Amino acid sequence: MITWFIGMSGSGKSTLARTLYDRLKPGTPHLVYLDGDEFRDIFRNDVDHTVEGRRKNAERISYFCRILDQQNIHIIAAVLSIFPEWQMWNRESFSNYFEIFLDVPMDVLEKRDTKNLYARAATGDMPNVVGVDIPFPRPASPDMVLTHLDQDKGVAACIDAVLDRLPPLK
Protein backbone atom coordinates (compact mmCIF):
# COMPACT_ATOMS: atom_id res chain seq x y z
CA MET A 1 0.00 0.00 0.00
CA ILE A 2 1.28 3.40 -0.97
CA THR A 3 -0.38 6.29 0.87
CA TRP A 4 0.47 9.45 -1.08
CA PHE A 5 -0.07 12.88 0.52
CA ILE A 6 -0.20 15.62 -2.14
CA GLY A 7 -0.19 19.36 -1.57
CA MET A 8 1.77 22.54 -1.94
CA SER A 9 4.46 23.67 0.48
CA GLY A 10 2.86 24.48 3.80
CA SER A 11 -0.24 22.35 3.20
CA GLY A 12 0.60 19.95 6.03
CA LYS A 13 1.87 16.97 4.00
CA SER A 14 4.88 16.18 6.13
CA THR A 15 3.11 16.75 9.44
CA LEU A 16 0.15 14.53 8.58
CA ALA A 17 2.18 11.85 6.80
CA ARG A 18 4.70 11.63 9.66
CA THR A 19 1.90 11.47 12.25
CA LEU A 20 0.13 8.72 10.30
CA TYR A 21 3.43 6.84 10.09
CA ASP A 22 4.01 7.21 13.84
CA ARG A 23 0.49 5.87 14.55
CA LEU A 24 0.82 2.86 12.21
CA LYS A 25 4.48 1.91 12.62
CA PRO A 26 4.21 0.00 15.94
CA GLY A 27 1.80 -2.50 14.35
CA THR A 28 3.31 -2.39 10.86
CA PRO A 29 7.06 -3.02 10.94
CA HIS A 30 7.28 -3.09 7.14
CA LEU A 31 6.25 0.57 6.83
CA VAL A 32 8.44 3.38 5.47
CA TYR A 33 7.98 7.15 5.68
CA LEU A 34 9.16 9.06 2.61
CA ASP A 35 9.33 12.84 2.35
CA GLY A 36 9.96 14.40 -1.07
CA ASP A 37 12.42 16.95 0.34
CA GLU A 38 14.34 14.31 2.25
CA PHE A 39 14.35 12.04 -0.80
CA ARG A 40 16.29 14.71 -2.71
CA ASP A 41 19.06 14.39 -0.09
CA ILE A 42 19.61 10.75 -1.06
CA PHE A 43 20.84 11.98 -4.43
CA ARG A 44 22.71 14.91 -2.87
CA ASN A 45 20.21 17.38 -4.34
CA ASP A 46 21.51 16.72 -7.86
CA VAL A 47 18.33 18.03 -9.48
CA ASP A 48 17.10 21.58 -9.27
CA HIS A 49 13.59 22.87 -8.64
CA THR A 50 12.76 23.63 -12.27
CA VAL A 51 9.89 21.67 -13.81
CA GLU A 52 12.37 19.23 -15.36
CA GLY A 53 14.29 18.80 -12.11
CA ARG A 54 11.04 18.21 -10.29
CA ARG A 55 9.95 15.70 -12.95
CA LYS A 56 13.17 13.71 -12.52
CA ASN A 57 12.69 13.65 -8.75
CA ALA A 58 9.04 12.58 -9.15
CA GLU A 59 10.10 9.70 -11.41
CA ARG A 60 12.71 8.59 -8.89
CA ILE A 61 10.24 8.65 -6.03
CA SER A 62 7.62 6.68 -7.94
CA TYR A 63 10.07 4.04 -9.16
CA PHE A 64 11.54 3.71 -5.67
CA CYS A 65 8.05 3.27 -4.22
CA ARG A 66 7.26 0.61 -6.82
CA ILE A 67 10.37 -1.38 -5.88
CA LEU A 68 9.39 -1.30 -2.19
CA ASP A 69 5.75 -2.05 -3.01
CA GLN A 70 6.82 -5.16 -4.94
CA GLN A 71 8.52 -6.33 -1.74
CA ASN A 72 5.32 -5.80 0.30
CA ILE A 73 6.70 -2.76 2.07
CA HIS A 74 4.10 -0.09 2.76
CA ILE A 75 4.96 3.57 2.20
CA ILE A 76 3.53 6.80 3.50
CA ALA A 77 4.80 9.54 1.20
CA ALA A 78 4.61 13.32 1.53
CA VAL A 79 5.19 14.63 -1.98
CA LEU A 80 4.41 17.89 -3.79
CA SER A 81 3.38 15.79 -6.81
CA ILE A 82 2.70 18.27 -9.62
CA PHE A 83 2.59 15.75 -12.45
CA PRO A 84 -0.85 14.24 -13.13
CA GLU A 85 0.74 11.64 -15.43
CA TRP A 86 2.84 10.36 -12.52
CA GLN A 87 -0.17 10.24 -10.24
CA MET A 88 -1.85 8.09 -12.91
CA TRP A 89 1.31 5.98 -13.24
CA ASN A 90 1.27 5.44 -9.47
CA ARG A 91 -2.35 4.35 -9.55
CA GLU A 92 -1.62 1.87 -12.36
CA SER A 93 1.76 0.62 -11.07
CA PHE A 94 1.32 0.13 -7.33
CA SER A 95 -0.48 -2.84 -5.80
CA ASN A 96 -2.65 -0.44 -3.79
CA TYR A 97 -2.54 3.36 -3.97
CA PHE A 98 -4.39 5.80 -1.71
CA GLU A 99 -4.04 9.47 -2.63
CA ILE A 100 -4.80 12.23 -0.13
CA PHE A 101 -4.95 15.80 -1.45
CA LEU A 102 -4.35 18.58 1.05
CA ASP A 103 -6.42 21.37 -0.45
CA VAL A 104 -5.22 24.58 1.20
CA PRO A 105 -5.73 28.04 -0.36
CA MET A 106 -2.75 30.25 -1.11
CA ASP A 107 -3.56 32.84 1.56
CA VAL A 108 -3.37 30.11 4.23
CA LEU A 109 -0.18 28.68 2.70
CA GLU A 110 1.42 32.13 2.79
CA LYS A 111 0.60 32.44 6.50
CA ARG A 112 2.11 29.00 7.16
CA ASP A 113 5.21 29.74 5.05
CA THR A 114 7.78 28.30 7.48
CA LYS A 115 10.36 27.90 4.69
CA ASN A 116 9.78 31.49 3.49
CA LEU A 117 9.27 30.17 -0.06
CA TYR A 118 6.23 32.25 -0.95
CA ALA A 119 7.64 35.43 0.58
CA ARG A 120 10.92 35.04 -1.34
CA ALA A 121 9.05 34.19 -4.55
CA ALA A 122 6.94 37.32 -4.18
CA THR A 123 10.06 39.49 -4.01
CA GLY A 124 11.72 37.65 -6.90
CA ASP A 125 14.45 36.20 -4.67
CA MET A 126 13.40 32.61 -5.30
CA PRO A 127 12.40 31.24 -8.70
CA ASN A 128 10.57 27.99 -9.50
CA VAL A 129 8.14 28.03 -6.59
CA VAL A 130 5.11 25.81 -7.15
CA GLY A 131 1.95 27.85 -6.87
CA VAL A 132 3.78 31.03 -7.89
CA ASP A 133 6.06 30.40 -10.90
CA ILE A 134 5.07 26.79 -11.54
CA PRO A 135 1.40 25.79 -11.69
CA PHE A 136 0.04 23.31 -9.19
CA PRO A 137 -2.53 21.14 -10.99
CA ARG A 138 -5.19 19.86 -8.63
CA PRO A 139 -5.17 16.07 -8.51
CA ALA A 140 -7.85 14.67 -10.83
CA SER A 141 -9.26 11.97 -8.58
CA PRO A 142 -7.82 11.83 -5.08
CA ASP A 143 -9.18 9.15 -2.79
CA MET A 144 -9.54 11.73 -0.05
CA VAL A 145 -9.39 15.51 0.31
CA LEU A 146 -8.45 17.32 3.51
CA THR A 147 -8.87 21.09 3.58
CA HIS A 148 -7.42 23.68 5.91
CA LEU A 149 -10.79 23.64 7.69
CA ASP A 150 -10.34 19.91 8.36
CA GLN A 151 -6.84 20.65 9.60
CA ASP A 152 -8.20 23.34 11.94
CA LYS A 153 -9.81 20.46 13.89
CA GLY A 154 -6.32 19.20 14.71
CA VAL A 155 -3.79 16.70 13.44
CA ALA A 156 -5.32 13.83 15.44
CA ALA A 157 -8.76 14.44 13.91
CA CYS A 158 -7.25 14.42 10.40
CA ILE A 159 -5.39 11.18 11.08
CA ASP A 160 -8.56 9.58 12.48
CA ALA A 161 -10.39 10.61 9.28
CA VAL A 162 -7.61 9.11 7.13
CA LEU A 163 -7.64 5.87 9.12
CA ASP A 164 -11.42 5.63 8.66
CA ARG A 165 -10.90 5.62 4.87
CA LEU A 166 -7.53 3.93 4.48
CA PRO A 167 -7.63 0.25 3.52
CA PRO A 168 -6.02 -1.94 6.19
CA LEU A 169 -2.30 -2.61 5.86
CA LYS A 170 -1.37 -6.28 5.83
C-alpha atoms as a PDB file:
ATOM      1  CA  MET A   1       0.000   0.000   0.000  1.00  0.00           C
ATOM      2  CA  ILE A   2       1.284   3.402  -0.971  1.00  0.00           C
ATOM      3  CA  THR A   3      -0.377   6.291   0.865  1.00  0.00           C
ATOM      4  CA  TRP A   4       0.465   9.448  -1.084  1.00  0.00           C
ATOM      5  CA  PHE A   5      -0.066  12.880   0.524  1.00  0.00           C
ATOM      6  CA  ILE A   6      -0.197  15.616  -2.145  1.00  0.00           C
ATOM      7  CA  GLY A   7      -0.193  19.356  -1.575  1.00  0.00           C
ATOM      8  CA  MET A   8       1.770  22.542  -1.937  1.00  0.00           C
ATOM      9  CA  SER A   9       4.464  23.668   0.476  1.00  0.00           C
ATOM     10  CA  GLY A  10       2.863  24.475   3.803  1.00  0.00           C
ATOM     11  CA  SER A  11      -0.242  22.352   3.197  1.00  0.00           C
ATOM     12  CA  GLY A  12       0.604  19.951   6.031  1.00  0.00           C
ATOM     13  CA  LYS A  13       1.869  16.973   3.998  1.00  0.00           C
ATOM     14  CA  SER A  14       4.884  16.179   6.126  1.00  0.00           C
ATOM     15  CA  THR A  15       3.108  16.749   9.436  1.00  0.00           C
ATOM     16  CA  LEU A  16       0.152  14.535   8.579  1.00  0.00           C
ATOM     17  CA  ALA A  17       2.177  11.851   6.804  1.00  0.00           C
ATOM     18  CA  ARG A  18       4.700  11.632   9.660  1.00  0.00           C
ATOM     19  CA  THR A  19       1.901  11.471  12.245  1.00  0.00           C
ATOM     20  CA  LEU A  20       0.129   8.717  10.304  1.00  0.00           C
ATOM     21  CA  TYR A  21       3.428   6.835  10.092  1.00  0.00           C
ATOM     22  CA  ASP A  22       4.006   7.207  13.842  1.00  0.00           C
ATOM     23  CA  ARG A  23       0.489   5.871  14.546  1.00  0.00           C
ATOM     24  CA  LEU A  24       0.822   2.858  12.210  1.00  0.00           C
ATOM     25  CA  LYS A  25       4.480   1.915  12.617  1.00  0.00           C
ATOM     26  CA  PRO A  26       4.210   0.000  15.937  1.00  0.00           C
ATOM     27  CA  GLY A  27       1.800  -2.498  14.349  1.00  0.00           C
ATOM     28  CA  THR A  28       3.307  -2.387  10.858  1.00  0.00           C
ATOM     29  CA  PRO A  29       7.063  -3.024  10.945  1.00  0.00           C
ATOM     30  CA  HIS A  30       7.281  -3.087   7.136  1.00  0.00           C
ATOM     31  CA  LEU A  31       6.249   0.571   6.834  1.00  0.00           C
ATOM     32  CA  VAL A  32       8.439   3.381   5.474  1.00  0.00           C
ATOM     33  CA  TYR A  33       7.978   7.148   5.678  1.00  0.00           C
ATOM     34  CA  LEU A  34       9.162   9.060   2.609  1.00  0.00           C
ATOM     35  CA  ASP A  35       9.328  12.844   2.349  1.00  0.00           C
ATOM     36  CA  GLY A  36       9.961  14.400  -1.066  1.00  0.00           C
ATOM     37  CA  ASP A  37      12.422  16.947   0.336  1.00  0.00           C
ATOM     38  CA  GLU A  38      14.339  14.306   2.252  1.00  0.00           C
ATOM     39  CA  PHE A  39      14.354  12.043  -0.804  1.00  0.00           C
ATOM     40  CA  ARG A  40      16.291  14.713  -2.706  1.00  0.00           C
ATOM     41  CA  ASP A  41      19.056  14.392  -0.095  1.00  0.00           C
ATOM     42  CA  ILE A  42      19.609  10.749  -1.057  1.00  0.00           C
ATOM     43  CA  PHE A  43      20.842  11.976  -4.435  1.00  0.00           C
ATOM     44  CA  ARG A  44      22.705  14.905  -2.874  1.00  0.00           C
ATOM     45  CA  ASN A  45      20.208  17.380  -4.344  1.00  0.00           C
ATOM     46  CA  ASP A  46      21.509  16.719  -7.856  1.00  0.00           C
ATOM     47  CA  VAL A  47      18.333  18.029  -9.482  1.00  0.00           C
ATOM     48  CA  ASP A  48      17.101  21.585  -9.273  1.00  0.00           C
ATOM     49  CA  HIS A  49      13.586  22.873  -8.637  1.00  0.00           C
ATOM     50  CA  THR A  50      12.755  23.632 -12.268  1.00  0.00           C
ATOM     51  CA  VAL A  51       9.893  21.675 -13.811  1.00  0.00           C
ATOM     52  CA  GLU A  52      12.374  19.235 -15.364  1.00  0.00           C
ATOM     53  CA  GLY A  53      14.294  18.795 -12.111  1.00  0.00           C
ATOM     54  CA  ARG A  54      11.035  18.210 -10.286  1.00  0.00           C
ATOM     55  CA  ARG A  55       9.955  15.701 -12.949  1.00  0.00           C
ATOM     56  CA  LYS A  56      13.168  13.708 -12.519  1.00  0.00           C
ATOM     57  CA  ASN A  57      12.693  13.648  -8.749  1.00  0.00           C
ATOM     58  CA  ALA A  58       9.044  12.577  -9.151  1.00  0.00           C
ATOM     59  CA  GLU A  59      10.097   9.703 -11.406  1.00  0.00           C
ATOM     60  CA  ARG A  60      12.713   8.587  -8.894  1.00  0.00           C
ATOM     61  CA  ILE A  61      10.240   8.647  -6.026  1.00  0.00           C
ATOM     62  CA  SER A  62       7.617   6.680  -7.937  1.00  0.00           C
ATOM     63  CA  TYR A  63      10.066   4.042  -9.161  1.00  0.00           C
ATOM     64  CA  PHE A  64      11.535   3.712  -5.674  1.00  0.00           C
ATOM     65  CA  CYS A  65       8.047   3.267  -4.219  1.00  0.00           C
ATOM     66  CA  ARG A  66       7.257   0.614  -6.823  1.00  0.00           C
ATOM     67  CA  ILE A  67      10.366  -1.382  -5.876  1.00  0.00           C
ATOM     68  CA  LEU A  68       9.388  -1.296  -2.193  1.00  0.00           C
ATOM     69  CA  ASP A  69       5.752  -2.049  -3.007  1.00  0.00           C
ATOM     70  CA  GLN A  70       6.820  -5.156  -4.942  1.00  0.00           C
ATOM     71  CA  GLN A  71       8.517  -6.329  -1.737  1.00  0.00           C
ATOM     72  CA  ASN A  72       5.317  -5.802   0.298  1.00  0.00           C
ATOM     73  CA  ILE A  73       6.701  -2.761   2.065  1.00  0.00           C
ATOM     74  CA  HIS A  74       4.102  -0.093   2.760  1.00  0.00           C
ATOM     75  CA  ILE A  75       4.964   3.565   2.202  1.00  0.00           C
ATOM     76  CA  ILE A  76       3.534   6.796   3.495  1.00  0.00           C
ATOM     77  CA  ALA A  77       4.801   9.541   1.203  1.00  0.00           C
ATOM     78  CA  ALA A  78       4.614  13.320   1.525  1.00  0.00           C
ATOM     79  CA  VAL A  79       5.193  14.629  -1.981  1.00  0.00           C
ATOM     80  CA  LEU A  80       4.413  17.890  -3.788  1.00  0.00           C
ATOM     81  CA  SER A  81       3.381  15.787  -6.806  1.00  0.00           C
ATOM     82  CA  ILE A  82       2.698  18.272  -9.620  1.00  0.00           C
ATOM     83  CA  PHE A  83       2.586  15.751 -12.450  1.00  0.00           C
ATOM     84  CA  PRO A  84      -0.849  14.238 -13.128  1.00  0.00           C
ATOM     85  CA  GLU A  85       0.735  11.642 -15.432  1.00  0.00           C
ATOM     86  CA  TRP A  86       2.842  10.362 -12.518  1.00  0.00           C
ATOM     87  CA  GLN A  87      -0.174  10.237 -10.236  1.00  0.00           C
ATOM     88  CA  MET A  88      -1.848   8.094 -12.915  1.00  0.00           C
ATOM     89  CA  TRP A  89       1.314   5.980 -13.239  1.00  0.00           C
ATOM     90  CA  ASN A  90       1.272   5.439  -9.473  1.00  0.00           C
ATOM     91  CA  ARG A  91      -2.354   4.349  -9.547  1.00  0.00           C
ATOM     92  CA  GLU A  92      -1.617   1.875 -12.355  1.00  0.00           C
ATOM     93  CA  SER A  93       1.756   0.624 -11.068  1.00  0.00           C
ATOM     94  CA  PHE A  94       1.324   0.133  -7.329  1.00  0.00           C
ATOM     95  CA  SER A  95      -0.478  -2.835  -5.799  1.00  0.00           C
ATOM     96  CA  ASN A  96      -2.648  -0.438  -3.795  1.00  0.00           C
ATOM     97  CA  TYR A  97      -2.543   3.360  -3.969  1.00  0.00           C
ATOM     98  CA  PHE A  98      -4.387   5.795  -1.713  1.00  0.00           C
ATOM     99  CA  GLU A  99      -4.045   9.469  -2.634  1.00  0.00           C
ATOM    100  CA  ILE A 100      -4.803  12.231  -0.130  1.00  0.00           C
ATOM    101  CA  PHE A 101      -4.951  15.795  -1.452  1.00  0.00           C
ATOM    102  CA  LEU A 102      -4.345  18.576   1.048  1.00  0.00           C
ATOM    103  CA  ASP A 103      -6.417  21.372  -0.446  1.00  0.00           C
ATOM    104  CA  VAL A 104      -5.225  24.580   1.201  1.00  0.00           C
ATOM    105  CA  PRO A 105      -5.734  28.037  -0.363  1.00  0.00           C
ATOM    106  CA  MET A 106      -2.747  30.250  -1.114  1.00  0.00           C
ATOM    107  CA  ASP A 107      -3.564  32.843   1.555  1.00  0.00           C
ATOM    108  CA  VAL A 108      -3.372  30.115   4.228  1.00  0.00           C
ATOM    109  CA  LEU A 109      -0.177  28.682   2.701  1.00  0.00           C
ATOM    110  CA  GLU A 110       1.424  32.133   2.786  1.00  0.00           C
ATOM    111  CA  LYS A 111       0.596  32.438   6.504  1.00  0.00           C
ATOM    112  CA  ARG A 112       2.109  28.999   7.165  1.00  0.00           C
ATOM    113  CA  ASP A 113       5.209  29.744   5.055  1.00  0.00           C
ATOM    114  CA  THR A 114       7.780  28.296   7.476  1.00  0.00           C
ATOM    115  CA  LYS A 115      10.359  27.899   4.691  1.00  0.00           C
ATOM    116  CA  ASN A 116       9.779  31.490   3.491  1.00  0.00           C
ATOM    117  CA  LEU A 117       9.269  30.175  -0.064  1.00  0.00           C
ATOM    118  CA  TYR A 118       6.230  32.247  -0.950  1.00  0.00           C
ATOM    119  CA  ALA A 119       7.636  35.434   0.580  1.00  0.00           C
ATOM    120  CA  ARG A 120      10.921  35.037  -1.338  1.00  0.00           C
ATOM    121  CA  ALA A 121       9.054  34.185  -4.550  1.00  0.00           C
ATOM    122  CA  ALA A 122       6.937  37.322  -4.180  1.00  0.00           C
ATOM    123  CA  THR A 123      10.064  39.487  -4.010  1.00  0.00           C
ATOM    124  CA  GLY A 124      11.723  37.649  -6.900  1.00  0.00           C
ATOM    125  CA  ASP A 125      14.447  36.201  -4.668  1.00  0.00           C
ATOM    126  CA  MET A 126      13.395  32.608  -5.301  1.00  0.00           C
ATOM    127  CA  PRO A 127      12.395  31.237  -8.704  1.00  0.00           C
ATOM    128  CA  ASN A 128      10.569  27.990  -9.502  1.00  0.00           C
ATOM    129  CA  VAL A 129       8.143  28.031  -6.589  1.00  0.00           C
ATOM    130  CA  VAL A 130       5.114  25.813  -7.147  1.00  0.00           C
ATOM    131  CA  GLY A 131       1.951  27.846  -6.871  1.00  0.00           C
ATOM    132  CA  VAL A 132       3.779  31.031  -7.895  1.00  0.00           C
ATOM    133  CA  ASP A 133       6.058  30.395 -10.904  1.00  0.00           C
ATOM    134  CA  ILE A 134       5.069  26.788 -11.536  1.00  0.00           C
ATOM    135  CA  PRO A 135       1.399  25.788 -11.690  1.00  0.00           C
ATOM    136  CA  PHE A 136       0.037  23.310  -9.193  1.00  0.00           C
ATOM    137  CA  PRO A 137      -2.528  21.141 -10.989  1.00  0.00           C
ATOM    138  CA  ARG A 138      -5.185  19.859  -8.629  1.00  0.00           C
ATOM    139  CA  PRO A 139      -5.167  16.067  -8.506  1.00  0.00           C
ATOM    140  CA  ALA A 140      -7.847  14.672 -10.830  1.00  0.00           C
ATOM    141  CA  SER A 141      -9.264  11.971  -8.578  1.00  0.00           C
ATOM    142  CA  PRO A 142      -7.823  11.828  -5.078  1.00  0.00           C
ATOM    143  CA  ASP A 143      -9.181   9.154  -2.792  1.00  0.00           C
ATOM    144  CA  MET A 144      -9.545  11.727  -0.048  1.00  0.00           C
ATOM    145  CA  VAL A 145      -9.388  15.507   0.306  1.00  0.00           C
ATOM    146  CA  LEU A 146      -8.452  17.321   3.511  1.00  0.00           C
ATOM    147  CA  THR A 147      -8.871  21.092   3.580  1.00  0.00           C
ATOM    148  CA  HIS A 148      -7.422  23.676   5.914  1.00  0.00           C
ATOM    149  CA  LEU A 149     -10.794  23.636   7.695  1.00  0.00           C
ATOM    150  CA  ASP A 150     -10.339  19.908   8.355  1.00  0.00           C
ATOM    151  CA  GLN A 151      -6.836  20.653   9.604  1.00  0.00           C
ATOM    152  CA  ASP A 152      -8.198  23.336  11.939  1.00  0.00           C
ATOM    153  CA  LYS A 153      -9.812  20.458  13.885  1.00  0.00           C
ATOM    154  CA  GLY A 154      -6.319  19.199  14.708  1.00  0.00           C
ATOM    155  CA  VAL A 155      -3.793  16.696  13.437  1.00  0.00           C
ATOM    156  CA  ALA A 156      -5.318  13.829  15.437  1.00  0.00           C
ATOM    157  CA  ALA A 157      -8.758  14.440  13.913  1.00  0.00           C
ATOM    158  CA  CYS A 158      -7.252  14.420  10.404  1.00  0.00           C
ATOM    159  CA  ILE A 159      -5.393  11.181  11.075  1.00  0.00           C
ATOM    160  CA  ASP A 160      -8.555   9.585  12.478  1.00  0.00           C
ATOM    161  CA  ALA A 161     -10.389  10.610   9.279  1.00  0.00           C
ATOM    162  CA  VAL A 162      -7.612   9.113   7.132  1.00  0.00           C
ATOM    163  CA  LEU A 163      -7.639   5.868   9.120  1.00  0.00           C
ATOM    164  CA  ASP A 164     -11.417   5.632   8.660  1.00  0.00           C
ATOM    165  CA  ARG A 165     -10.904   5.618   4.874  1.00  0.00           C
ATOM    166  CA  LEU A 166      -7.530   3.930   4.475  1.00  0.00           C
ATOM    167  CA  PRO A 167      -7.626   0.249   3.519  1.00  0.00           C
ATOM    168  CA  PRO A 168      -6.024  -1.941   6.188  1.00  0.00           C
ATOM    169  CA  LEU A 169      -2.303  -2.610   5.862  1.00  0.00           C
ATOM    170  CA  LYS A 170      -1.370  -6.278   5.829  1.00  0.00           C
END
